[in-house]
């Protein structure tokens, strides 16, 4: 009888261990996004011979990953934690590793555009070489599905050379739904011709499209030299803050004037600041880091803009951090110059 009880206890103990292990490690079909960190950019961005500042520009991040049962329950009880179905985060048929690689690719593109914006604003030497336009993802049930694949390099459209993603987008939006286009692509060392019929897309407010996301591969040479050390941080949303940090190091005057400056927003090669996801979490992260100023994409005053969301969160958490709307890199520079 004693032996039976001992065996039962051992079995129950082992079951409990397995349950605890699964509770903390089993991956659910959900992602959790939560406030990350606001880290000074000085260790990340280094211009050769660059000027130092009394304050800091900050890179603000979101932390995200697959949910375990424990993390899922914790997220239910915390503010500014989002629980998202996997299909809302990962494009169709994309693995976690492929998604991670996509985020790192977007970070590299963000660094290139911020480099261009800052060096041109500071009247420094810069040279750009275009090295191809690549398909990042193909949207399900769109004209490109089954025709194009991620990592396809688009060389020409209707026999016209493509240098950057904007060339293709401008060409397609000048067409009509139902028109056919011919794409010349390079796939695994083969050059292929593909014909696609354009479709009016709801995501583009009825403009014609084929249902793909693109990235332009560019090689940007600058002088003085510039080094990025962003590690495994991914995504495109650091563009504005990268631009400001680079510009601050390139110019003799102290742009920060001793303030702790944070912000977010994609930036294109013309310096336009674009919408990003998770601005609520970034405001929380910047406030926790003690930042004084937070730049948020204004989206030309659109209702529900990143700026409006950031302003509401700032009020909700009672921060003294100033939320500043920006549509262009120059607006952020002007604001700092007028501090």
Protein backbone atom coordinates (compact mmCIF):
# COMPACT_ATOMS: atom_id res chain seq x y z
CA UNK A 1 0.00 0.00 0.00
CA UNK A 2 2.83 2.37 0.90
CA UNK A 3 4.57 1.62 -2.41
CA UNK A 4 1.40 2.37 -4.38
CA UNK A 5 1.03 5.76 -2.65
CA UNK A 6 4.69 6.55 -3.31
CA UNK A 7 4.30 5.71 -7.01
CA UNK A 8 1.13 7.82 -7.19
CA UNK A 9 2.96 10.78 -5.64
CA UNK A 10 5.82 10.41 -8.12
CA UNK A 11 3.41 10.27 -11.05
CA UNK A 12 1.51 13.34 -9.80
CA UNK A 13 4.81 15.15 -9.27
CA UNK A 14 5.92 14.36 -12.84
CA UNK A 15 2.56 15.48 -14.23
CA UNK A 16 2.83 18.72 -12.26
CA UNK A 17 6.34 19.31 -13.63
CA UNK A 18 5.13 18.79 -17.20
CA UNK A 19 2.18 21.16 -16.66
CA UNK A 20 4.46 23.83 -15.19
CA UNK A 21 6.89 23.42 -18.08
CA UNK A 22 4.10 23.77 -20.65
CA UNK A 23 2.58 26.73 -18.79
CA UNK A 24 5.80 28.69 -19.15
CA UNK A 25 7.12 27.39 -22.49
CA UNK A 26 4.35 26.08 -24.77
CA UNK A 27 3.82 28.46 -27.67
CA UNK A 28 0.22 29.47 -28.33
CA UNK A 29 -0.99 30.67 -31.77
CA UNK A 30 -0.77 34.27 -30.54
CA UNK A 31 1.77 37.07 -30.48
CA UNK A 32 2.10 39.52 -27.61
CA UNK A 33 3.27 43.07 -28.29
CA UNK A 34 4.21 45.20 -25.29
CA UNK A 35 6.23 48.33 -24.46
CA UNK A 36 9.94 47.82 -25.04
CA UNK A 37 12.81 50.18 -24.30
CA UNK A 38 13.94 53.70 -25.14
CA UNK A 39 17.71 53.48 -25.60
CA UNK A 40 20.18 56.29 -26.41
CA UNK A 41 21.35 56.17 -30.02
CA UNK A 42 24.95 57.21 -29.35
CA UNK A 43 26.12 53.58 -29.00
CA UNK A 44 24.11 52.59 -32.10
CA UNK A 45 25.01 55.35 -34.57
CA UNK A 46 28.59 56.53 -35.00
CA UNK A 47 29.62 59.21 -37.51
CA UNK A 48 33.39 59.36 -37.96
CA UNK A 49 34.56 62.47 -36.14
CA UNK A 50 30.98 63.31 -35.23
CA UNK A 51 30.05 66.01 -32.72
CA UNK A 52 28.79 65.07 -29.26
CA UNK A 53 25.65 66.44 -27.59
CA UNK A 54 24.68 67.01 -24.00
CA UNK A 55 21.33 65.21 -24.37
CA UNK A 56 20.38 62.05 -26.25
CA UNK A 57 18.23 60.90 -29.14
CA UNK A 58 16.44 57.65 -28.27
CA UNK A 59 15.48 54.57 -30.28
CA UNK A 60 12.12 53.32 -28.95
CA UNK A 61 11.17 49.68 -29.39
CA UNK A 62 8.27 47.29 -28.97
CA UNK A 63 8.87 43.84 -27.52
CA UNK A 64 7.03 41.04 -29.23
CA UNK A 65 7.01 37.29 -29.50
CA UNK A 66 4.96 34.13 -29.35
CA UNK A 67 2.75 33.87 -26.28
CA UNK A 68 3.04 31.14 -23.69
CA UNK A 69 0.03 30.43 -21.44
CA UNK A 70 1.74 32.40 -18.65
CA UNK A 71 2.48 35.38 -20.90
CA UNK A 72 -1.05 35.27 -22.31
CA UNK A 73 -2.60 35.52 -18.85
CA UNK A 74 -0.22 38.30 -17.81
CA UNK A 75 -1.04 40.27 -20.98
CA UNK A 76 -4.76 40.07 -20.19
CA UNK A 77 -4.12 41.93 -16.94
CA UNK A 78 -1.78 44.66 -18.21
CA UNK A 79 -2.35 47.92 -20.05
CA UNK A 80 -0.74 48.49 -23.45
CA UNK A 81 -0.20 44.76 -24.02
CA UNK A 82 -1.74 43.48 -27.27
CA UNK A 83 -2.65 39.84 -27.88
CA UNK A 84 -2.72 39.19 -31.62
CA UNK A 85 -3.54 36.02 -33.57
CA UNK A 86 -0.49 34.77 -35.43
CA UNK A 87 -2.18 35.34 -38.80
CA UNK A 88 -2.47 39.05 -37.94
CA UNK A 89 1.31 39.28 -37.51
CA UNK A 90 2.85 36.83 -39.96
CA UNK A 91 2.03 37.10 -43.67
CA UNK A 92 0.62 33.90 -45.14
CA UNK A 93 2.97 30.91 -45.05
CA UNK A 94 5.77 32.93 -43.44
CA UNK A 95 7.72 31.31 -40.62
CA UNK A 96 8.85 33.10 -37.47
CA UNK A 97 12.43 33.07 -38.81
CA UNK A 98 11.38 34.50 -42.17
CA UNK A 99 9.41 37.20 -40.37
CA UNK A 100 12.47 38.04 -38.30
CA UNK A 101 14.61 38.29 -41.44
CA UNK A 102 11.98 40.55 -43.00
CA UNK A 103 12.10 42.86 -39.97
CA UNK A 104 15.91 43.05 -40.16
CA UNK A 105 15.68 43.83 -43.88
CA UNK A 106 13.27 46.65 -43.10
CA UNK A 107 15.70 47.96 -40.46
CA UNK A 108 18.50 48.03 -43.03
CA UNK A 109 16.27 49.92 -45.46
CA UNK A 110 15.36 52.37 -42.68
CA UNK A 111 19.03 52.98 -41.95
CA UNK A 112 19.76 53.66 -45.60
CA UNK A 113 16.94 56.19 -45.99
CA UNK A 114 17.82 57.94 -42.72
CA UNK A 115 21.43 58.18 -43.85
CA UNK A 116 20.38 59.84 -47.10
CA UNK A 117 18.04 62.30 -45.38
CA UNK A 118 20.57 63.36 -42.75
CA UNK A 119 23.62 63.68 -45.02
CA UNK A 120 21.70 65.67 -47.62
CA UNK A 121 20.30 67.98 -44.92
CA UNK A 122 23.82 68.53 -43.58
CA UNK A 123 25.23 69.09 -47.11
CA UNK A 124 27.66 66.21 -46.72
CA UNK A 125 29.03 63.93 -49.45
CA UNK A 126 26.71 61.08 -50.46
CA UNK A 127 26.44 58.65 -53.38
CA UNK A 128 23.54 56.23 -54.02
CA UNK A 129 23.68 53.06 -56.15
CA UNK A 130 20.47 51.13 -56.78
CA UNK A 131 20.85 47.36 -56.55
CA UNK A 132 17.36 46.03 -57.22
CA UNK A 133 13.73 45.99 -56.10
CA UNK A 134 12.70 42.87 -54.21
CA UNK A 135 9.32 41.33 -53.37
CA UNK A 136 8.96 41.06 -49.59
CA UNK A 137 5.56 39.37 -49.44
CA UNK A 138 2.61 38.45 -51.66
CA UNK A 139 -0.93 39.03 -50.38
CA UNK A 140 -3.34 36.11 -50.53
CA UNK A 141 -6.14 36.28 -53.14
CA UNK A 142 -4.43 39.13 -54.97
CA UNK A 143 -3.32 39.18 -58.63
CA UNK A 144 0.32 38.46 -57.77
CA UNK A 145 -0.50 35.30 -55.80
CA UNK A 146 0.95 32.27 -57.58
CA UNK A 147 2.85 34.53 -59.98
CA UNK A 148 5.43 36.28 -57.80
CA UNK A 149 7.32 34.97 -54.79
CA UNK A 150 9.14 36.59 -51.85
CA UNK A 151 12.75 37.44 -52.80
CA UNK A 152 11.92 37.83 -56.51
CA UNK A 153 13.91 40.74 -57.91
CA UNK A 154 11.84 42.94 -60.22
CA UNK A 155 14.06 44.27 -62.99
CA UNK A 156 11.61 45.83 -65.47
CA UNK A 157 7.93 46.67 -65.86
CA UNK A 158 6.67 46.70 -69.46
CA UNK A 159 10.33 46.71 -70.51
CA UNK A 160 11.06 49.88 -68.49
CA UNK A 161 13.94 49.59 -66.01
CA UNK A 162 13.05 49.69 -62.31
CA UNK A 163 15.50 51.39 -59.93
CA UNK A 164 13.39 51.63 -56.78
CA UNK A 165 10.05 50.49 -55.43
CA UNK A 166 8.53 53.94 -56.02
CA UNK A 167 9.12 53.56 -59.78
CA UNK A 168 6.92 50.48 -59.90
CA UNK A 169 4.25 51.91 -57.58
CA UNK A 170 4.00 55.16 -59.58
CA UNK A 171 3.77 53.24 -62.86
CA UNK A 172 1.04 50.88 -61.63
CA UNK A 173 -1.10 53.57 -60.00
CA UNK A 174 -1.07 55.43 -63.33
CA UNK A 175 -2.82 52.47 -64.97
CA UNK A 176 -6.44 51.26 -64.79
CA UNK A 177 -7.88 48.19 -63.10
CA UNK A 178 -8.04 45.43 -65.71
CA UNK A 179 -4.87 46.57 -67.50
CA UNK A 180 -2.14 43.99 -67.92
CA UNK A 181 1.49 44.60 -67.02
CA UNK A 182 4.55 42.52 -67.86
CA UNK A 183 7.19 42.14 -65.16
CA UNK A 184 10.73 41.00 -65.82
CA UNK A 185 12.01 39.27 -62.69
CA UNK A 186 15.14 37.47 -61.57
CA UNK A 187 14.52 34.32 -59.52
CA UNK A 188 17.35 32.00 -58.47
CA UNK A 189 19.66 33.09 -61.31
CA UNK A 190 16.88 32.84 -63.91
CA UNK A 191 15.29 35.79 -65.70
CA UNK A 192 11.55 35.30 -66.23
CA UNK A 193 8.71 37.28 -67.81
CA UNK A 194 5.43 37.36 -65.86
CA UNK A 195 2.11 38.94 -66.91
CA UNK A 196 -0.30 40.20 -64.23
CA UNK A 197 -3.72 41.83 -64.53
CA UNK A 198 -4.17 44.87 -62.30
CA UNK A 199 -7.01 44.95 -59.80
CA UNK A 200 -8.62 47.80 -57.87
CA UNK A 201 -7.47 47.29 -54.27
CA UNK A 202 -9.44 48.39 -51.25
CA UNK A 203 -6.17 48.89 -49.32
CA UNK A 204 -5.17 51.49 -51.94
CA UNK A 205 -8.54 53.29 -51.86
CA UNK A 206 -9.56 51.70 -55.14
CA UNK A 207 -6.31 52.37 -56.99
CA UNK A 208 -4.92 49.56 -59.17
CA UNK A 209 -2.36 47.16 -57.71
CA UNK A 210 -1.16 43.58 -57.70
CA UNK A 211 -0.93 42.85 -53.99
CA UNK A 212 2.74 42.80 -53.04
CA UNK A 213 5.05 44.63 -50.66
CA UNK A 214 8.42 45.75 -51.94
CA UNK A 215 11.80 46.87 -50.70
CA UNK A 216 14.52 48.72 -52.62
CA UNK A 217 18.06 47.45 -52.18
CA UNK A 218 20.42 50.41 -52.31
CA UNK A 219 24.08 50.93 -51.63
CA UNK A 220 24.71 54.32 -50.03
CA UNK A 221 28.25 55.66 -49.71
CA UNK A 222 28.83 58.67 -47.47
CA UNK A 223 31.65 60.82 -46.17
CA UNK A 224 32.42 61.07 -43.29
CA UNK A 225 31.87 57.36 -42.73
CA UNK A 226 28.95 56.08 -40.69
CA UNK A 227 28.49 52.85 -38.72
CA UNK A 228 25.26 51.33 -37.37
CA UNK A 229 25.22 48.83 -34.50
CA UNK A 230 21.52 48.05 -34.12
CA UNK A 231 22.04 44.34 -33.36
CA UNK A 232 18.88 42.26 -33.66
CA UNK A 233 16.45 45.20 -33.59
CA UNK A 234 14.14 45.02 -36.60
CA UNK A 235 11.46 47.02 -38.37
CA UNK A 236 11.32 50.35 -40.22
CA UNK A 237 10.06 52.67 -37.48
CA UNK A 238 13.42 54.02 -36.26
CA UNK A 239 13.97 56.03 -39.45
CA UNK A 240 13.13 59.46 -38.05
CA UNK A 241 15.24 59.06 -34.92
CA UNK A 242 18.18 57.64 -36.89
CA UNK A 243 18.00 60.68 -39.18
CA UNK A 244 18.00 63.10 -36.25
CA UNK A 245 20.89 61.35 -34.51
CA UNK A 246 23.02 61.29 -37.66
CA UNK A 247 22.23 64.93 -38.39
CA UNK A 248 23.06 65.88 -34.79
CA UNK A 249 26.48 64.21 -35.06
CA UNK A 250 27.16 65.82 -38.45
CA UNK A 251 26.39 69.38 -37.28
CA UNK A 252 28.38 71.31 -34.72
CA UNK A 253 25.42 72.76 -32.83
CA UNK A 254 23.84 70.59 -30.15
CA UNK A 255 20.37 69.67 -31.45
CA UNK A 256 19.30 68.16 -28.12
CA UNK A 257 20.20 71.17 -25.96
CA UNK A 258 20.49 68.73 -23.07
CA UNK A 259 17.04 67.17 -23.57
CA UNK A 260 16.20 63.48 -23.80
CA UNK A 261 14.50 63.17 -27.19
CA UNK A 262 12.52 60.14 -28.36
CA UNK A 263 10.16 59.45 -31.23
CA UNK A 264 9.13 57.08 -33.96
CA UNK A 265 8.17 57.01 -37.61
CA UNK A 266 9.36 55.63 -40.91
CA UNK A 267 11.25 58.10 -43.06
CA UNK A 268 11.58 57.92 -46.83
CA UNK A 269 14.39 59.27 -48.99
CA UNK A 270 12.62 62.63 -49.24
CA UNK A 271 12.36 62.97 -45.44
CA UNK A 272 8.62 62.31 -45.17
CA UNK A 273 7.62 60.72 -41.86
CA UNK A 274 5.21 57.78 -42.12
CA UNK A 275 2.83 55.95 -39.80
CA UNK A 276 4.01 53.05 -37.67
CA UNK A 277 2.35 50.44 -35.47
CA UNK A 278 2.38 50.30 -31.69
CA UNK A 279 2.87 54.01 -31.01
CA UNK A 280 0.97 53.63 -27.72
CA UNK A 281 3.57 51.19 -26.40
CA UNK A 282 6.41 53.42 -27.54
CA UNK A 283 5.03 56.40 -25.64
CA UNK A 284 4.92 54.24 -22.50
CA UNK A 285 8.50 53.04 -23.07
CA UNK A 286 9.79 56.58 -23.67
CA UNK A 287 8.06 57.86 -20.54
CA UNK A 288 9.57 55.07 -18.44
CA UNK A 289 13.02 56.08 -19.75
CA UNK A 290 12.48 59.67 -18.63
CA UNK A 291 12.36 61.26 -22.09
CA UNK A 292 11.30 64.92 -22.39
CA UNK A 293 10.13 64.99 -26.03
CA UNK A 294 8.41 62.42 -28.24
CA UNK A 295 8.01 62.93 -32.01
CA UNK A 296 4.98 61.14 -33.51
CA UNK A 297 3.85 60.88 -37.15
CA UNK A 298 1.09 63.43 -37.74
CA UNK A 299 -0.14 61.81 -40.99
CA UNK A 300 -1.12 65.26 -42.26
CA UNK A 301 -3.69 65.61 -39.48
CA UNK A 302 -5.61 62.43 -40.31
CA UNK A 303 -8.16 61.30 -37.72
CA UNK A 304 -6.71 58.49 -35.63
CA UNK A 305 -3.14 59.41 -36.55
CA UNK A 306 -0.13 58.21 -34.61
CA UNK A 307 0.06 61.69 -33.08
CA UNK A 308 -3.53 61.56 -31.84
CA UNK A 309 -2.99 58.12 -30.30
CA UNK A 310 0.31 59.18 -28.72
CA UNK A 311 -1.29 62.32 -27.28
CA UNK A 312 -4.13 60.30 -25.73
CA UNK A 313 -1.77 57.77 -24.18
CA UNK A 314 0.39 60.57 -22.78
CA UNK A 315 -2.68 62.05 -21.12
CA UNK A 316 -3.81 58.65 -19.81
CA UNK A 317 -0.49 57.85 -18.15
CA UNK A 318 -0.01 61.40 -16.86
CA UNK A 319 3.41 62.00 -18.41
CA UNK A 320 5.06 65.41 -18.64
CA UNK A 321 6.73 64.32 -21.89
CA UNK A 322 5.89 66.69 -24.75
CA UNK A 323 4.23 64.93 -27.72
CA UNK A 324 5.19 66.69 -30.98
CA UNK A 325 3.46 66.00 -34.35
CA UNK A 326 5.69 65.79 -37.42
CA UNK A 327 5.10 65.06 -41.10
CA UNK A 328 8.69 65.67 -42.25
CA UNK A 329 12.22 65.41 -40.91
CA UNK A 330 12.64 69.19 -41.35
CA UNK A 331 9.78 69.84 -38.91
CA UNK A 332 11.53 67.82 -36.19
CA UNK A 333 14.80 69.67 -36.84
CA UNK A 334 13.05 73.05 -36.68
CA UNK A 335 11.35 72.12 -33.40
CA UNK A 336 14.67 71.16 -31.81
CA UNK A 337 16.41 74.27 -33.14
CA UNK A 338 13.69 76.42 -31.53
CA UNK A 339 13.90 74.81 -28.09
